[in-house]
Amino acid sequence: MLKVYGIKNCDSVRKAVKFLKLHHIPYELIDFRQTPVTQETIDTWLESSDINTLFNTRGTTYRTLKLKEKNLTDEEKRAWLAKENMLIKRPVITFEKQVIIGYNEPQYHQLLLA
């Protein structure tokens, strides 16, 4: 079954869930706040994606932690993602060993409705 990782009150997650419901695609929503994502899960996502795609530099958490000033390496970013799940770009959708990061309706059409 398709899994949607994110937080319930995130606009991008809500758009993704709306898309899935509209197209009758079954999914399971995994809320970071209730079920934190482990380093192992993040590493699995990074097998199919780039760290800079997964690492959210536009969110409040990134600014609050002043991470821009730290000039993080990819390995440091990876560690921060596990330590602070709110730095993960949302939603992360996983299915059949594929990973979609962020809300991208054309990509959803291509990968989920094909």
N, C-alpha and C. Protein backbone atom coordinates (compact mmCIF):
# COMPACT_ATOMS: atom_id res chain seq x y z
N MET A 1 0.84 -1.19 0.00
CA MET A 1 0.00 0.00 0.00
C MET A 1 0.88 1.25 0.00
N LEU A 2 0.40 2.27 -0.64
CA LEU A 2 1.09 3.55 -0.73
C LEU A 2 1.14 4.20 0.65
N LYS A 3 2.30 4.76 1.01
CA LYS A 3 2.43 5.44 2.29
C LYS A 3 2.74 6.92 2.06
N VAL A 4 2.07 7.77 2.81
CA VAL A 4 2.28 9.21 2.75
C VAL A 4 2.85 9.64 4.09
N TYR A 5 4.07 10.16 4.06
CA TYR A 5 4.73 10.65 5.27
C TYR A 5 4.64 12.17 5.29
N GLY A 6 4.33 12.71 6.46
CA GLY A 6 4.24 14.16 6.60
C GLY A 6 3.55 14.50 7.90
N ILE A 7 2.92 15.69 7.92
CA ILE A 7 2.11 16.08 9.07
C ILE A 7 0.74 16.48 8.56
N LYS A 8 -0.27 16.19 9.36
CA LYS A 8 -1.66 16.36 8.93
C LYS A 8 -2.01 17.80 8.55
N ASN A 9 -1.42 18.78 9.21
CA ASN A 9 -1.81 20.16 8.94
C ASN A 9 -0.94 20.85 7.89
N CYS A 10 -0.10 20.12 7.19
CA CYS A 10 0.75 20.67 6.13
C CYS A 10 -0.08 20.80 4.84
N ASP A 11 -0.03 21.96 4.22
CA ASP A 11 -0.80 22.19 2.99
C ASP A 11 -0.43 21.21 1.88
N SER A 12 0.86 20.94 1.70
CA SER A 12 1.29 20.02 0.65
C SER A 12 0.80 18.60 0.91
N VAL A 13 0.81 18.20 2.16
CA VAL A 13 0.31 16.87 2.52
C VAL A 13 -1.20 16.81 2.26
N ARG A 14 -1.90 17.87 2.63
CA ARG A 14 -3.36 17.89 2.38
C ARG A 14 -3.67 17.81 0.89
N LYS A 15 -2.91 18.51 0.06
CA LYS A 15 -3.11 18.45 -1.40
C LYS A 15 -2.87 17.03 -1.91
N ALA A 16 -1.81 16.40 -1.42
CA ALA A 16 -1.50 15.03 -1.85
C ALA A 16 -2.62 14.07 -1.46
N VAL A 17 -3.10 14.18 -0.22
CA VAL A 17 -4.18 13.32 0.26
C VAL A 17 -5.45 13.57 -0.57
N LYS A 18 -5.72 14.81 -0.87
CA LYS A 18 -6.90 15.14 -1.70
C LYS A 18 -6.78 14.49 -3.07
N PHE A 19 -5.59 14.55 -3.68
CA PHE A 19 -5.34 13.93 -4.97
C PHE A 19 -5.59 12.42 -4.88
N LEU A 20 -5.05 11.79 -3.86
CA LEU A 20 -5.21 10.34 -3.71
C LEU A 20 -6.67 9.95 -3.52
N LYS A 21 -7.38 10.71 -2.71
CA LYS A 21 -8.80 10.43 -2.50
C LYS A 21 -9.60 10.62 -3.78
N LEU A 22 -9.31 11.69 -4.51
CA LEU A 22 -10.01 11.99 -5.77
C LEU A 22 -9.85 10.85 -6.77
N HIS A 23 -8.68 10.23 -6.77
CA HIS A 23 -8.40 9.16 -7.73
C HIS A 23 -8.55 7.76 -7.11
N HIS A 24 -9.16 7.71 -5.92
CA HIS A 24 -9.46 6.43 -5.25
C HIS A 24 -8.22 5.56 -5.10
N ILE A 25 -7.12 6.19 -4.69
CA ILE A 25 -5.87 5.46 -4.46
C ILE A 25 -5.74 5.24 -2.95
N PRO A 26 -5.73 3.99 -2.51
CA PRO A 26 -5.61 3.73 -1.07
C PRO A 26 -4.23 4.14 -0.56
N TYR A 27 -4.19 4.66 0.65
CA TYR A 27 -2.93 5.12 1.22
C TYR A 27 -2.99 5.02 2.73
N GLU A 28 -1.82 5.10 3.33
CA GLU A 28 -1.70 5.17 4.78
C GLU A 28 -0.93 6.45 5.08
N LEU A 29 -1.48 7.31 5.95
CA LEU A 29 -0.81 8.54 6.33
C LEU A 29 0.00 8.29 7.60
N ILE A 30 1.29 8.59 7.53
CA ILE A 30 2.17 8.43 8.68
C ILE A 30 2.63 9.83 9.10
N ASP A 31 2.14 10.27 10.24
CA ASP A 31 2.42 11.61 10.75
C ASP A 31 3.74 11.60 11.51
N PHE A 32 4.68 12.46 11.07
CA PHE A 32 5.99 12.56 11.72
C PHE A 32 5.88 12.81 13.22
N ARG A 33 4.89 13.57 13.61
CA ARG A 33 4.77 13.94 15.02
C ARG A 33 4.38 12.75 15.89
N GLN A 34 3.59 11.84 15.33
CA GLN A 34 3.14 10.67 16.08
C GLN A 34 4.09 9.49 15.91
N THR A 35 4.66 9.36 14.73
CA THR A 35 5.56 8.26 14.41
C THR A 35 6.81 8.82 13.74
N PRO A 36 7.80 9.21 14.53
CA PRO A 36 9.02 9.78 13.93
C PRO A 36 9.68 8.81 12.94
N VAL A 37 10.25 9.37 11.90
CA VAL A 37 10.92 8.58 10.87
C VAL A 37 12.35 8.29 11.34
N THR A 38 12.79 7.07 11.14
CA THR A 38 14.12 6.65 11.60
C THR A 38 15.19 6.96 10.54
N GLN A 39 16.44 6.88 10.98
CA GLN A 39 17.56 7.06 10.05
C GLN A 39 17.52 6.00 8.96
N GLU A 40 17.13 4.79 9.32
CA GLU A 40 17.04 3.71 8.35
C GLU A 40 16.04 4.03 7.23
N THR A 41 14.88 4.56 7.61
CA THR A 41 13.87 4.93 6.62
C THR A 41 14.40 6.05 5.72
N ILE A 42 15.02 7.04 6.32
CA ILE A 42 15.58 8.16 5.55
C ILE A 42 16.63 7.65 4.57
N ASP A 43 17.49 6.75 5.02
CA ASP A 43 18.52 6.18 4.15
C ASP A 43 17.90 5.43 2.96
N THR A 44 16.78 4.75 3.22
CA THR A 44 16.07 4.06 2.13
C THR A 44 15.57 5.07 1.10
N TRP A 45 15.01 6.19 1.58
CA TRP A 45 14.54 7.24 0.67
C TRP A 45 15.70 7.81 -0.14
N LEU A 46 16.85 7.96 0.50
CA LEU A 46 18.01 8.56 -0.17
C LEU A 46 18.61 7.64 -1.24
N GLU A 47 18.23 6.38 -1.24
CA GLU A 47 18.64 5.49 -2.32
C GLU A 47 17.97 5.89 -3.63
N SER A 48 16.78 6.53 -3.52
CA SER A 48 16.01 6.92 -4.70
C SER A 48 15.94 8.42 -4.91
N SER A 49 16.53 9.18 -4.00
CA SER A 49 16.41 10.63 -4.08
C SER A 49 17.70 11.30 -3.63
N ASP A 50 17.77 12.56 -3.91
CA ASP A 50 18.92 13.38 -3.56
C ASP A 50 18.69 14.03 -2.19
N ILE A 51 19.73 14.17 -1.40
CA ILE A 51 19.61 14.77 -0.07
C ILE A 51 19.05 16.19 -0.15
N ASN A 52 19.41 16.93 -1.19
CA ASN A 52 18.95 18.32 -1.31
C ASN A 52 17.47 18.41 -1.67
N THR A 53 16.94 17.36 -2.26
CA THR A 53 15.50 17.31 -2.53
C THR A 53 14.74 16.99 -1.25
N LEU A 54 15.28 16.09 -0.47
CA LEU A 54 14.61 15.65 0.76
C LEU A 54 14.73 16.66 1.90
N PHE A 55 15.80 17.42 1.91
CA PHE A 55 16.09 18.36 3.00
C PHE A 55 15.38 19.68 2.73
N ASN A 56 14.43 20.03 3.60
CA ASN A 56 13.60 21.22 3.40
C ASN A 56 14.30 22.47 3.95
N THR A 57 14.75 23.32 3.04
CA THR A 57 15.42 24.55 3.45
C THR A 57 14.47 25.74 3.47
N ARG A 58 13.20 25.52 3.18
CA ARG A 58 12.24 26.62 3.13
C ARG A 58 11.33 26.70 4.35
N GLY A 59 11.47 25.75 5.26
CA GLY A 59 10.56 25.68 6.40
C GLY A 59 11.02 26.48 7.61
N THR A 60 10.10 26.62 8.53
CA THR A 60 10.35 27.34 9.78
C THR A 60 11.44 26.67 10.60
N THR A 61 11.44 25.36 10.65
CA THR A 61 12.42 24.63 11.46
C THR A 61 13.84 24.94 10.99
N TYR A 62 14.05 24.96 9.68
CA TYR A 62 15.36 25.26 9.11
C TYR A 62 15.83 26.65 9.54
N ARG A 63 14.92 27.61 9.48
CA ARG A 63 15.28 28.98 9.88
C ARG A 63 15.50 29.09 11.38
N THR A 64 14.62 28.46 12.16
CA THR A 64 14.73 28.52 13.62
C THR A 64 16.05 27.93 14.11
N LEU A 65 16.46 26.83 13.51
CA LEU A 65 17.71 26.18 13.92
C LEU A 65 18.95 26.85 13.33
N LYS A 66 18.72 27.85 12.46
CA LYS A 66 19.82 28.60 11.82
C LYS A 66 20.80 27.67 11.10
N LEU A 67 20.26 26.70 10.39
CA LEU A 67 21.10 25.71 9.73
C LEU A 67 21.80 26.26 8.49
N LYS A 68 21.26 27.31 7.89
CA LYS A 68 21.91 27.90 6.72
C LYS A 68 23.31 28.39 7.08
N GLU A 69 23.43 28.93 8.27
CA GLU A 69 24.71 29.47 8.72
C GLU A 69 25.75 28.38 8.99
N LYS A 70 25.30 27.15 9.16
CA LYS A 70 26.21 26.05 9.50
C LYS A 70 26.88 25.41 8.29
N ASN A 71 26.42 25.73 7.06
CA ASN A 71 26.99 25.13 5.85
C ASN A 71 27.14 23.62 5.98
N LEU A 72 26.03 22.93 6.18
CA LEU A 72 26.03 21.49 6.45
C LEU A 72 26.52 20.67 5.26
N THR A 73 27.25 19.62 5.57
CA THR A 73 27.61 18.64 4.53
C THR A 73 26.40 17.73 4.31
N ASP A 74 26.46 16.93 3.27
CA ASP A 74 25.36 16.00 3.00
C ASP A 74 25.18 15.03 4.17
N GLU A 75 26.27 14.59 4.76
CA GLU A 75 26.19 13.65 5.89
C GLU A 75 25.56 14.33 7.11
N GLU A 76 25.87 15.58 7.33
CA GLU A 76 25.27 16.33 8.45
C GLU A 76 23.78 16.55 8.19
N LYS A 77 23.41 16.84 6.95
CA LYS A 77 21.99 16.99 6.60
C LYS A 77 21.25 15.69 6.88
N ARG A 78 21.85 14.58 6.49
CA ARG A 78 21.25 13.26 6.71
C ARG A 78 20.98 13.03 8.20
N ALA A 79 21.94 13.38 9.03
CA ALA A 79 21.78 13.21 10.48
C ALA A 79 20.69 14.14 11.02
N TRP A 80 20.64 15.37 10.53
CA TRP A 80 19.61 16.32 10.98
C TRP A 80 18.21 15.83 10.60
N LEU A 81 18.06 15.21 9.44
CA LEU A 81 16.74 14.71 9.03
C LEU A 81 16.19 13.70 10.03
N ALA A 82 17.06 12.84 10.55
CA ALA A 82 16.62 11.84 11.53
C ALA A 82 16.36 12.47 12.89
N LYS A 83 17.17 13.47 13.22
CA LYS A 83 17.05 14.12 14.53
C LYS A 83 15.83 15.04 14.57
N GLU A 84 15.54 15.69 13.46
CA GLU A 84 14.46 16.68 13.39
C GLU A 84 13.64 16.43 12.12
N ASN A 85 12.62 15.57 12.22
CA ASN A 85 11.81 15.18 11.06
C ASN A 85 11.13 16.35 10.36
N MET A 86 10.96 17.47 11.04
CA MET A 86 10.32 18.62 10.40
C MET A 86 11.21 19.21 9.29
N LEU A 87 12.44 18.77 9.19
CA LEU A 87 13.32 19.22 8.11
C LEU A 87 13.12 18.41 6.83
N ILE A 88 12.28 17.38 6.89
CA ILE A 88 12.00 16.57 5.71
C ILE A 88 10.95 17.28 4.86
N LYS A 89 11.26 17.43 3.58
CA LYS A 89 10.29 18.05 2.67
C LYS A 89 9.08 17.14 2.58
N ARG A 90 7.90 17.75 2.64
CA ARG A 90 6.66 16.98 2.68
C ARG A 90 5.81 17.20 1.44
N PRO A 91 4.98 16.20 1.15
CA PRO A 91 4.96 14.85 1.68
C PRO A 91 6.03 13.98 1.03
N VAL A 92 6.33 12.86 1.67
CA VAL A 92 7.14 11.82 1.05
C VAL A 92 6.18 10.66 0.82
N ILE A 93 6.06 10.26 -0.44
CA ILE A 93 5.16 9.16 -0.80
C ILE A 93 6.01 7.98 -1.26
N THR A 94 5.76 6.83 -0.65
CA THR A 94 6.51 5.64 -1.03
C THR A 94 5.55 4.56 -1.53
N PHE A 95 5.99 3.85 -2.55
CA PHE A 95 5.23 2.73 -3.10
C PHE A 95 6.15 1.95 -4.03
N GLU A 96 6.02 0.65 -4.03
CA GLU A 96 6.77 -0.23 -4.94
C GLU A 96 8.23 0.20 -5.10
N LYS A 97 8.92 0.47 -4.01
CA LYS A 97 10.33 0.87 -4.01
C LYS A 97 10.58 2.21 -4.72
N GLN A 98 9.54 3.00 -4.90
CA GLN A 98 9.68 4.34 -5.47
C GLN A 98 9.39 5.37 -4.39
N VAL A 99 9.96 6.56 -4.58
CA VAL A 99 9.78 7.65 -3.63
C VAL A 99 9.46 8.93 -4.40
N ILE A 100 8.40 9.60 -3.97
CA ILE A 100 8.06 10.92 -4.52
C ILE A 100 8.15 11.90 -3.36
N ILE A 101 8.91 12.98 -3.57
CA ILE A 101 9.10 13.97 -2.50
C ILE A 101 8.45 15.28 -2.91
N GLY A 102 7.61 15.80 -2.03
CA GLY A 102 6.91 17.06 -2.29
C GLY A 102 5.64 16.83 -3.08
N TYR A 103 4.83 17.88 -3.15
CA TYR A 103 3.60 17.79 -3.92
C TYR A 103 3.89 18.20 -5.35
N ASN A 104 3.70 17.26 -6.29
CA ASN A 104 3.97 17.51 -7.70
C ASN A 104 2.90 16.77 -8.50
N GLU A 105 1.81 17.48 -8.80
CA GLU A 105 0.66 16.82 -9.42
C GLU A 105 0.99 16.14 -10.75
N PRO A 106 1.76 16.78 -11.66
CA PRO A 106 2.10 16.07 -12.90
C PRO A 106 2.86 14.76 -12.64
N GLN A 107 3.75 14.77 -11.67
CA GLN A 107 4.49 13.56 -11.32
C GLN A 107 3.54 12.51 -10.72
N TYR A 108 2.57 12.95 -9.93
CA TYR A 108 1.59 12.04 -9.37
C TYR A 108 0.80 11.37 -10.49
N HIS A 109 0.38 12.16 -11.49
CA HIS A 109 -0.36 11.60 -12.62
C HIS A 109 0.49 10.55 -13.33
N GLN A 110 1.74 10.88 -13.57
CA GLN A 110 2.64 10.00 -14.31
C GLN A 110 2.92 8.70 -13.55
N LEU A 111 3.20 8.79 -12.26
CA LEU A 111 3.63 7.62 -11.50
C LEU A 111 2.50 6.85 -10.82
N LEU A 112 1.45 7.56 -10.41
CA LEU A 112 0.41 6.91 -9.63
C LEU A 112 -0.81 6.49 -10.46
N LEU A 113 -0.99 7.11 -11.60
CA LEU A 113 -2.17 6.78 -12.41
C LEU A 113 -1.82 6.01 -13.68
N ALA A 114 -0.56 5.69 -13.85
CA ALA A 114 -0.12 5.00 -15.08
C ALA A 114 -0.58 3.56 -15.11
